[in-house]
PDB file of N, CA and C in Angstrom:
ATOM      1  N   UNK A   1      -0.340   8.075 -54.323  1.00  0.00           N
ATOM      2  CA  UNK A   1       0.457   8.155 -55.856  1.00  0.00           C
ATOM      3  C   UNK A   1       1.676   8.759 -56.287  1.00  0.00           C
ATOM      4  N   UNK A   2       1.642   7.597 -56.871  1.00  0.00           N
ATOM      5  CA  UNK A   2       3.073   7.837 -57.494  1.00  0.00           C
ATOM      6  C   UNK A   2       3.085   9.135 -58.169  1.00  0.00           C
ATOM      7  N   UNK A   3       4.434   9.393 -57.775  1.00  0.00           N
ATOM      8  CA  UNK A   3       4.707  10.488 -58.944  1.00  0.00           C
ATOM      9  C   UNK A   3       4.884  10.257 -60.115  1.00  0.00           C
ATOM     10  N   UNK A   4       4.786   9.615 -60.761  1.00  0.00           N
ATOM     11  CA  UNK A   4       5.192   9.087 -62.587  1.00  0.00           C
ATOM     12  C   UNK A   4       3.326   9.444 -62.889  1.00  0.00           C
ATOM     13  N   UNK A   5       2.513   9.171 -61.941  1.00  0.00           N
ATOM     14  CA  UNK A   5       1.230   9.866 -62.335  1.00  0.00           C
ATOM     15  C   UNK A   5       0.911  11.553 -62.696  1.00  0.00           C
ATOM     16  N   UNK A   6       0.126  11.596 -64.080  1.00  0.00           N
ATOM     17  CA  UNK A   6      -0.283  12.813 -64.865  1.00  0.00           C
ATOM     18  C   UNK A   6      -1.109  12.866 -64.519  1.00  0.00           C
ATOM     19  N   UNK A   7      -1.683  13.962 -64.308  1.00  0.00           N
ATOM     20  CA  UNK A   7      -2.644  14.597 -63.574  1.00  0.00           C
ATOM     21  C   UNK A   7      -3.365  15.590 -65.369  1.00  0.00           C
ATOM     22  N   UNK A   8      -4.795  14.890 -65.717  1.00  0.00           N
ATOM     23  CA  UNK A   8      -4.903  15.637 -66.883  1.00  0.00           C
ATOM     24  C   UNK A   8      -5.272  16.858 -66.676  1.00  0.00           C
ATOM     25  N   UNK A   9      -5.237  18.069 -67.830  1.00  0.00           N
ATOM     26  CA  UNK A   9      -6.178  19.180 -67.905  1.00  0.00           C
ATOM     27  C   UNK A   9      -7.143  19.370 -67.093  1.00  0.00           C
ATOM     28  N   UNK A  10      -8.177  18.375 -67.187  1.00  0.00           N
ATOM     29  CA  UNK A  10      -9.863  18.207 -67.236  1.00  0.00           C
ATOM     30  C   UNK A  10      -9.657  17.981 -65.860  1.00  0.00           C
ATOM     31  N   UNK A  11      -8.573  17.231 -65.064  1.00  0.00           N
ATOM     32  CA  UNK A  11      -8.969  16.833 -63.875  1.00  0.00           C
ATOM     33  C   UNK A  11      -8.292  17.629 -63.074  1.00  0.00           C
ATOM     34  N   UNK A  12      -7.413  18.701 -63.212  1.00  0.00           N
ATOM     35  CA  UNK A  12      -6.489  19.754 -62.474  1.00  0.00           C
ATOM     36  C   UNK A  12      -7.476  20.396 -62.179  1.00  0.00           C
ATOM     37  N   UNK A  13      -8.078  21.164 -62.177  1.00  0.00           N
ATOM     38  CA  UNK A  13      -9.737  21.969 -61.676  1.00  0.00           C
ATOM     39  C   UNK A  13     -10.126  21.005 -60.588  1.00  0.00           C
ATOM     40  N   UNK A  14     -10.591  20.275 -60.816  1.00  0.00           N
ATOM     41  CA  UNK A  14     -11.120  19.174 -59.758  1.00  0.00           C
ATOM     42  C   UNK A  14     -10.553  18.840 -58.305  1.00  0.00           C
ATOM     43  N   UNK A  15      -9.548  18.559 -58.752  1.00  0.00           N
ATOM     44  CA  UNK A  15      -8.278  18.371 -57.401  1.00  0.00           C
ATOM     45  C   UNK A  15      -8.046  20.150 -56.464  1.00  0.00           C
ATOM     46  N   UNK A  16      -7.948  20.727 -57.143  1.00  0.00           N
ATOM     47  CA  UNK A  16      -8.034  22.489 -57.012  1.00  0.00           C
ATOM     48  C   UNK A  16      -9.493  22.349 -55.778  1.00  0.00           C
ATOM     49  N   UNK A  17     -10.724  22.349 -56.575  1.00  0.00           N
ATOM     50  CA  UNK A  17     -11.896  22.415 -56.046  1.00  0.00           C
ATOM     51  C   UNK A  17     -12.073  21.953 -54.961  1.00  0.00           C
ATOM     52  N   UNK A  18     -11.316  20.306 -54.707  1.00  0.00           N
ATOM     53  CA  UNK A  18     -11.147  19.489 -53.605  1.00  0.00           C
ATOM     54  C   UNK A  18     -10.333  20.652 -52.511  1.00  0.00           C
ATOM     55  N   UNK A  19      -9.428  20.524 -52.747  1.00  0.00           N
ATOM     56  CA  UNK A  19      -8.684  21.733 -52.000  1.00  0.00           C
ATOM     57  C   UNK A  19      -9.963  22.725 -51.520  1.00  0.00           C
ATOM     58  N   UNK A  20      -9.974  23.467 -52.218  1.00  0.00           N
ATOM     59  CA  UNK A  20     -11.180  24.586 -51.671  1.00  0.00           C
ATOM     60  C   UNK A  20     -12.207  24.045 -50.679  1.00  0.00           C
ATOM     61  N   UNK A  21     -12.833  23.222 -50.845  1.00  0.00           N
ATOM     62  CA  UNK A  21     -13.825  22.967 -50.500  1.00  0.00           C
ATOM     63  C   UNK A  21     -13.355  22.150 -48.729  1.00  0.00           C
ATOM     64  N   UNK A  22     -12.398  21.878 -48.748  1.00  0.00           N
ATOM     65  CA  UNK A  22     -11.354  21.447 -47.627  1.00  0.00           C
ATOM     66  C   UNK A  22     -11.298  22.461 -46.902  1.00  0.00           C
ATOM     67  N   UNK A  23     -10.859  23.383 -47.129  1.00  0.00           N
ATOM     68  CA  UNK A  23     -10.415  24.650 -46.316  1.00  0.00           C
ATOM     69  C   UNK A  23     -11.411  25.287 -46.162  1.00  0.00           C
ATOM     70  N   UNK A  24     -12.977  25.478 -47.002  1.00  0.00           N
ATOM     71  CA  UNK A  24     -14.037  25.944 -46.760  1.00  0.00           C
ATOM     72  C   UNK A  24     -14.659  25.275 -45.792  1.00  0.00           C
ATOM     73  N   UNK A  25     -14.844  24.022 -45.145  1.00  0.00           N
ATOM     74  CA  UNK A  25     -15.550  23.577 -44.149  1.00  0.00           C
ATOM     75  C   UNK A  25     -14.113  23.445 -43.136  1.00  0.00           C
ATOM     76  N   UNK A  26     -12.914  23.319 -43.457  1.00  0.00           N
ATOM     77  CA  UNK A  26     -12.391  23.666 -41.712  1.00  0.00           C
ATOM     78  C   UNK A  26     -13.007  24.745 -41.326  1.00  0.00           C
ATOM     79  N   UNK A  27     -12.610  25.663 -42.676  1.00  0.00           N
ATOM     80  CA  UNK A  27     -12.928  27.112 -41.924  1.00  0.00           C
ATOM     81  C   UNK A  27     -14.261  27.480 -40.888  1.00  0.00           C
ATOM     82  N   UNK A  28     -15.196  26.563 -41.431  1.00  0.00           N
ATOM     83  CA  UNK A  28     -16.830  27.116 -41.498  1.00  0.00           C
ATOM     84  C   UNK A  28     -16.364  26.293 -39.311  1.00  0.00           C
ATOM     85  N   UNK A  29     -15.797  25.125 -39.290  1.00  0.00           N
ATOM     86  CA  UNK A  29     -15.822  24.747 -38.298  1.00  0.00           C
ATOM     87  C   UNK A  29     -14.862  25.253 -37.308  1.00  0.00           C
ATOM     88  N   UNK A  30     -14.191  26.386 -37.858  1.00  0.00           N
ATOM     89  CA  UNK A  30     -13.173  26.614 -36.609  1.00  0.00           C
ATOM     90  C   UNK A  30     -11.921  26.461 -36.616  1.00  0.00           C
ATOM     91  N   UNK A  31     -11.638  25.425 -37.377  1.00  0.00           N
ATOM     92  CA  UNK A  31      -9.970  25.032 -37.087  1.00  0.00           C
ATOM     93  C   UNK A  31      -9.316  25.184 -38.052  1.00  0.00           C
ATOM     94  N   UNK A  32      -7.874  25.260 -37.720  1.00  0.00           N
ATOM     95  CA  UNK A  32      -6.980  25.543 -37.901  1.00  0.00           C
ATOM     96  C   UNK A  32      -5.861  24.261 -38.827  1.00  0.00           C
ATOM     97  N   UNK A  33      -4.987  24.908 -39.928  1.00  0.00           N
ATOM     98  CA  UNK A  33      -4.784  23.341 -40.875  1.00  0.00           C
ATOM     99  C   UNK A  33      -4.110  22.707 -39.774  1.00  0.00           C
ATOM    100  N   UNK A  34      -3.275  23.344 -38.630  1.00  0.00           N
ATOM    101  CA  UNK A  34      -2.433  22.204 -37.651  1.00  0.00           C
ATOM    102  C   UNK A  34      -3.558  21.642 -37.122  1.00  0.00           C
ATOM    103  N   UNK A  35      -4.927  21.696 -36.642  1.00  0.00           N
ATOM    104  CA  UNK A  35      -5.221  21.132 -35.786  1.00  0.00           C
ATOM    105  C   UNK A  35      -5.996  19.889 -36.969  1.00  0.00           C
ATOM    106  N   UNK A  36      -6.458  20.313 -38.137  1.00  0.00           N
ATOM    107  CA  UNK A  36      -7.148  19.236 -38.831  1.00  0.00           C
ATOM    108  C   UNK A  36      -6.189  18.328 -39.520  1.00  0.00           C
ATOM    109  N   UNK A  37      -5.042  18.423 -39.367  1.00  0.00           N
ATOM    110  CA  UNK A  37      -3.851  17.913 -39.898  1.00  0.00           C
ATOM    111  C   UNK A  37      -3.921  16.743 -38.427  1.00  0.00           C
ATOM    112  N   UNK A  38      -3.513  17.138 -37.318  1.00  0.00           N
ATOM    113  CA  UNK A  38      -3.534  16.593 -36.170  1.00  0.00           C
ATOM    114  C   UNK A  38      -4.931  15.359 -36.049  1.00  0.00           C
ATOM    115  N   UNK A  39      -5.924  16.015 -36.235  1.00  0.00           N
ATOM    116  CA  UNK A  39      -7.274  15.005 -36.151  1.00  0.00           C
ATOM    117  C   UNK A  39      -7.239  14.133 -37.395  1.00  0.00           C
ATOM    118  N   UNK A  40      -6.730  14.358 -38.094  1.00  0.00           N
ATOM    119  CA  UNK A  40      -7.022  13.470 -39.718  1.00  0.00           C
ATOM    120  C   UNK A  40      -5.524  12.658 -39.959  1.00  0.00           C
ATOM    121  N   UNK A  41      -4.835  12.827 -38.757  1.00  0.00           N
ATOM    122  CA  UNK A  41      -3.433  12.140 -38.828  1.00  0.00           C
ATOM    123  C   UNK A  41      -2.962  12.211 -40.189  1.00  0.00           C
ATOM    124  N   UNK A  42      -2.284  13.611 -40.747  1.00  0.00           N
ATOM    125  CA  UNK A  42      -1.856  13.821 -41.458  1.00  0.00           C
ATOM    126  C   UNK A  42      -0.922  15.120 -41.469  1.00  0.00           C
ATOM    127  N   UNK A  43       0.036  15.722 -42.122  1.00  0.00           N
ATOM    128  CA  UNK A  43       0.426  16.420 -41.940  1.00  0.00           C
ATOM    129  C   UNK A  43       0.125  18.070 -42.146  1.00  0.00           C
ATOM    130  N   UNK A  44       0.559  19.127 -41.129  1.00  0.00           N
ATOM    131  CA  UNK A  44       0.077  20.125 -41.483  1.00  0.00           C
ATOM    132  C   UNK A  44       0.629  21.014 -43.292  1.00  0.00           C
ATOM    133  N   UNK A  45       1.797  20.662 -43.446  1.00  0.00           N
ATOM    134  CA  UNK A  45       2.230  20.663 -44.838  1.00  0.00           C
ATOM    135  C   UNK A  45       1.099  20.104 -45.978  1.00  0.00           C
ATOM    136  N   UNK A  46       0.790  18.710 -45.616  1.00  0.00           N
ATOM    137  CA  UNK A  46      -0.182  18.485 -46.269  1.00  0.00           C
ATOM    138  C   UNK A  46      -1.408  18.737 -47.232  1.00  0.00           C
ATOM    139  N   UNK A  47      -1.894  19.009 -45.502  1.00  0.00           N
ATOM    140  CA  UNK A  47      -2.761  19.982 -45.918  1.00  0.00           C
ATOM    141  C   UNK A  47      -2.982  21.253 -46.542  1.00  0.00           C
ATOM    142  N   UNK A  48      -1.977  21.846 -46.096  1.00  0.00           N
ATOM    143  CA  UNK A  48      -1.323  23.298 -46.512  1.00  0.00           C
ATOM    144  C   UNK A  48      -1.714  23.203 -48.255  1.00  0.00           C
ATOM    145  N   UNK A  49      -1.321  22.269 -48.746  1.00  0.00           N
ATOM    146  CA  UNK A  49      -0.437  22.161 -49.720  1.00  0.00           C
ATOM    147  C   UNK A  49      -1.588  21.662 -50.808  1.00  0.00           C
ATOM    148  N   UNK A  50      -2.695  20.921 -50.221  1.00  0.00           N
ATOM    149  CA  UNK A  50      -3.833  20.409 -51.031  1.00  0.00           C
ATOM    150  C   UNK A  50      -5.072  21.595 -50.702  1.00  0.00           C
ATOM    151  N   UNK A  51      -4.873  22.236 -50.060  1.00  0.00           N
ATOM    152  CA  UNK A  51      -5.233  23.919 -49.931  1.00  0.00           C
ATOM    153  C   UNK A  51      -5.150  24.901 -50.592  1.00  0.00           C
ATOM    154  N   UNK A  52      -4.073  24.811 -51.005  1.00  0.00           N
ATOM    155  CA  UNK A  52      -3.366  26.247 -51.809  1.00  0.00           C
ATOM    156  C   UNK A  52      -4.288  25.962 -53.290  1.00  0.00           C
ATOM    157  N   UNK A  53      -4.560  27.022 -53.794  1.00  0.00           N
ATOM    158  CA  UNK A  53      -5.119  27.005 -55.108  1.00  0.00           C
ATOM    159  C   UNK A  53      -4.303  27.278 -56.638  1.00  0.00           C
ATOM    160  N   UNK A  54      -3.413  27.185 -56.010  1.00  0.00           N
ATOM    161  CA  UNK A  54      -2.106  27.221 -57.622  1.00  0.00           C
ATOM    162  C   UNK A  54      -1.509  26.207 -57.305  1.00  0.00           C
ATOM    163  N   UNK A  55      -1.864  24.907 -56.269  1.00  0.00           N
ATOM    164  CA  UNK A  55      -0.467  23.789 -56.661  1.00  0.00           C
ATOM    165  C   UNK A  55      -2.248  22.733 -57.007  1.00  0.00           C
ATOM    166  N   UNK A  56      -1.894  21.810 -57.299  1.00  0.00           N
ATOM    167  CA  UNK A  56      -2.407  20.467 -57.626  1.00  0.00           C
ATOM    168  C   UNK A  56      -1.787  19.351 -56.947  1.00  0.00           C
ATOM    169  N   UNK A  57      -2.618  19.045 -56.234  1.00  0.00           N
ATOM    170  CA  UNK A  57      -2.007  17.719 -55.257  1.00  0.00           C
ATOM    171  C   UNK A  57      -2.958  16.941 -55.366  1.00  0.00           C
ATOM    172  N   UNK A  58      -2.765  15.576 -55.476  1.00  0.00           N
ATOM    173  CA  UNK A  58      -3.613  15.056 -55.425  1.00  0.00           C
ATOM    174  C   UNK A  58      -4.021  13.940 -53.766  1.00  0.00           C
ATOM    175  N   UNK A  59      -4.907  13.215 -53.718  1.00  0.00           N
ATOM    176  CA  UNK A  59      -4.998  13.036 -52.490  1.00  0.00           C
ATOM    177  C   UNK A  59      -5.708  11.643 -52.658  1.00  0.00           C
ATOM    178  N   UNK A  60      -5.637  10.167 -51.432  1.00  0.00           N
ATOM    179  CA  UNK A  60      -6.095   9.330 -51.383  1.00  0.00           C
ATOM    180  C   UNK A  60      -7.000   9.456 -51.129  1.00  0.00           C
ATOM    181  N   UNK A  61      -7.968   8.428 -51.338  1.00  0.00           N
ATOM    182  CA  UNK A  61      -9.380   8.156 -50.473  1.00  0.00           C
ATOM    183  C   UNK A  61      -9.144   8.465 -49.274  1.00  0.00           C
ATOM    184  N   UNK A  62      -8.100   7.440 -48.980  1.00  0.00           N
ATOM    185  CA  UNK A  62      -8.007   7.763 -46.929  1.00  0.00           C
ATOM    186  C   UNK A  62      -7.609   8.695 -46.384  1.00  0.00           C
ATOM    187  N   UNK A  63      -6.982   9.406 -47.182  1.00  0.00           N
ATOM    188  CA  UNK A  63      -6.864  10.977 -46.556  1.00  0.00           C
ATOM    189  C   UNK A  63      -7.813  11.911 -46.751  1.00  0.00           C
ATOM    190  N   UNK A  64      -9.133  11.345 -48.177  1.00  0.00           N
ATOM    191  CA  UNK A  64      -9.985  12.260 -48.049  1.00  0.00           C
ATOM    192  C   UNK A  64     -11.231  12.336 -47.183  1.00  0.00           C
ATOM    193  N   UNK A  65     -10.834  10.655 -46.982  1.00  0.00           N
ATOM    194  CA  UNK A  65     -11.920  10.090 -45.844  1.00  0.00           C
ATOM    195  C   UNK A  65     -11.393  10.670 -44.328  1.00  0.00           C
ATOM    196  N   UNK A  66     -10.147  10.430 -44.024  1.00  0.00           N
ATOM    197  CA  UNK A  66      -9.940  11.595 -42.568  1.00  0.00           C
ATOM    198  C   UNK A  66     -10.004  12.128 -42.619  1.00  0.00           C
ATOM    199  N   UNK A  67      -9.328  12.935 -43.563  1.00  0.00           N
ATOM    200  CA  UNK A  67     -10.353  14.758 -43.467  1.00  0.00           C
ATOM    201  C   UNK A  67     -11.617  14.835 -43.238  1.00  0.00           C
ATOM    202  N   UNK A  68     -12.535  14.434 -44.234  1.00  0.00           N
ATOM    203  CA  UNK A  68     -13.544  14.282 -44.144  1.00  0.00           C
ATOM    204  C   UNK A  68     -14.358  13.882 -42.665  1.00  0.00           C
ATOM    205  N   UNK A  69     -13.902  12.538 -41.835  1.00  0.00           N
ATOM    206  CA  UNK A  69     -14.265  12.273 -40.954  1.00  0.00           C
ATOM    207  C   UNK A  69     -13.650  13.527 -39.740  1.00  0.00           C
ATOM    208  N   UNK A  70     -12.997  14.313 -39.780  1.00  0.00           N
ATOM    209  CA  UNK A  70     -11.756  15.205 -38.656  1.00  0.00           C
ATOM    210  C   UNK A  70     -12.516  16.173 -38.971  1.00  0.00           C
ATOM    211  N   UNK A  71     -13.456  16.245 -40.057  1.00  0.00           N
ATOM    212  CA  UNK A  71     -14.198  17.651 -40.260  1.00  0.00           C
ATOM    213  C   UNK A  71     -15.560  17.698 -39.499  1.00  0.00           C
ATOM    214  N   UNK A  72     -16.086  16.573 -39.424  1.00  0.00           N
ATOM    215  CA  UNK A  72     -17.237  15.934 -39.327  1.00  0.00           C
ATOM    216  C   UNK A  72     -18.579  16.234 -40.490  1.00  0.00           C
ATOM    217  N   UNK A  73     -18.048  15.936 -41.556  1.00  0.00           N
ATOM    218  CA  UNK A  73     -18.853  15.655 -42.378  1.00  0.00           C
ATOM    219  C   UNK A  73     -18.539  14.610 -43.629  1.00  0.00           C
ATOM    220  N   UNK A  74     -19.751  14.501 -44.544  1.00  0.00           N
ATOM    221  CA  UNK A  74     -19.852  13.601 -45.346  1.00  0.00           C
ATOM    222  C   UNK A  74     -18.700  13.393 -46.246  1.00  0.00           C
ATOM    223  N   UNK A  75     -18.222  12.490 -46.956  1.00  0.00           N
ATOM    224  CA  UNK A  75     -16.983  12.703 -47.870  1.00  0.00           C
ATOM    225  C   UNK A  75     -17.465  13.516 -48.865  1.00  0.00           C
ATOM    226  N   UNK A  76     -18.434  13.142 -49.596  1.00  0.00           N
ATOM    227  CA  UNK A  76     -19.045  13.888 -50.691  1.00  0.00           C
ATOM    228  C   UNK A  76     -19.596  14.820 -51.141  1.00  0.00           C
ATOM    229  N   UNK A  77     -19.497  15.937 -49.690  1.00  0.00           N
ATOM    230  CA  UNK A  77     -19.186  17.330 -49.548  1.00  0.00           C
ATOM    231  C   UNK A  77     -17.862  17.885 -50.212  1.00  0.00           C
ATOM    232  N   UNK A  78     -16.706  17.015 -50.049  1.00  0.00           N
ATOM    233  CA  UNK A  78     -15.377  17.423 -50.502  1.00  0.00           C
ATOM    234  C   UNK A  78     -15.236  17.589 -51.869  1.00  0.00           C
ATOM    235  N   UNK A  79     -16.786  16.290 -52.529  1.00  0.00           N
ATOM    236  CA  UNK A  79     -15.981  16.403 -53.719  1.00  0.00           C
ATOM    237  C   UNK A  79     -17.429  16.927 -54.842  1.00  0.00           C
ATOM    238  N   UNK A  80     -18.418  17.640 -54.442  1.00  0.00           N
ATOM    239  CA  UNK A  80     -19.291  18.111 -54.568  1.00  0.00           C
ATOM    240  C   UNK A  80     -18.557  19.744 -55.643  1.00  0.00           C
ATOM    241  N   UNK A  81     -18.609  19.412 -56.779  1.00  0.00           N
ATOM    242  CA  UNK A  81     -17.891  21.005 -57.658  1.00  0.00           C
ATOM    243  C   UNK A  81     -19.307  21.646 -58.038  1.00  0.00           C
ATOM    244  N   UNK A  82     -18.700  22.908 -57.979  1.00  0.00           N
ATOM    245  CA  UNK A  82     -19.886  23.730 -58.207  1.00  0.00           C
ATOM    246  C   UNK A  82     -19.652  24.321 -59.596  1.00  0.00           C
ATOM    247  N   UNK A  83     -20.633  24.480 -60.438  1.00  0.00           N
ATOM    248  CA  UNK A  83     -20.696  24.964 -61.878  1.00  0.00           C
ATOM    249  C   UNK A  83     -19.995  26.480 -62.098  1.00  0.00           C
TER     250      UNK A  83
END
């Protein structure tokens, strides 16, 4: 995603929730950030930043699909927002 892309206030919380969902499912299967990063072909720093609840880190669908596959879950689970 280009650095010039601005994140709207409305979407900010959704990016954070995606990161929290990733952290939830990662911990549920007993993986470290390093293990998930390796399995999803991403850097540990990227996984750490995406999971951080105080950082808004956009991610591509490719990354989301790779993470879901590495966790053994369907991608929609990472996009499930709670009220």
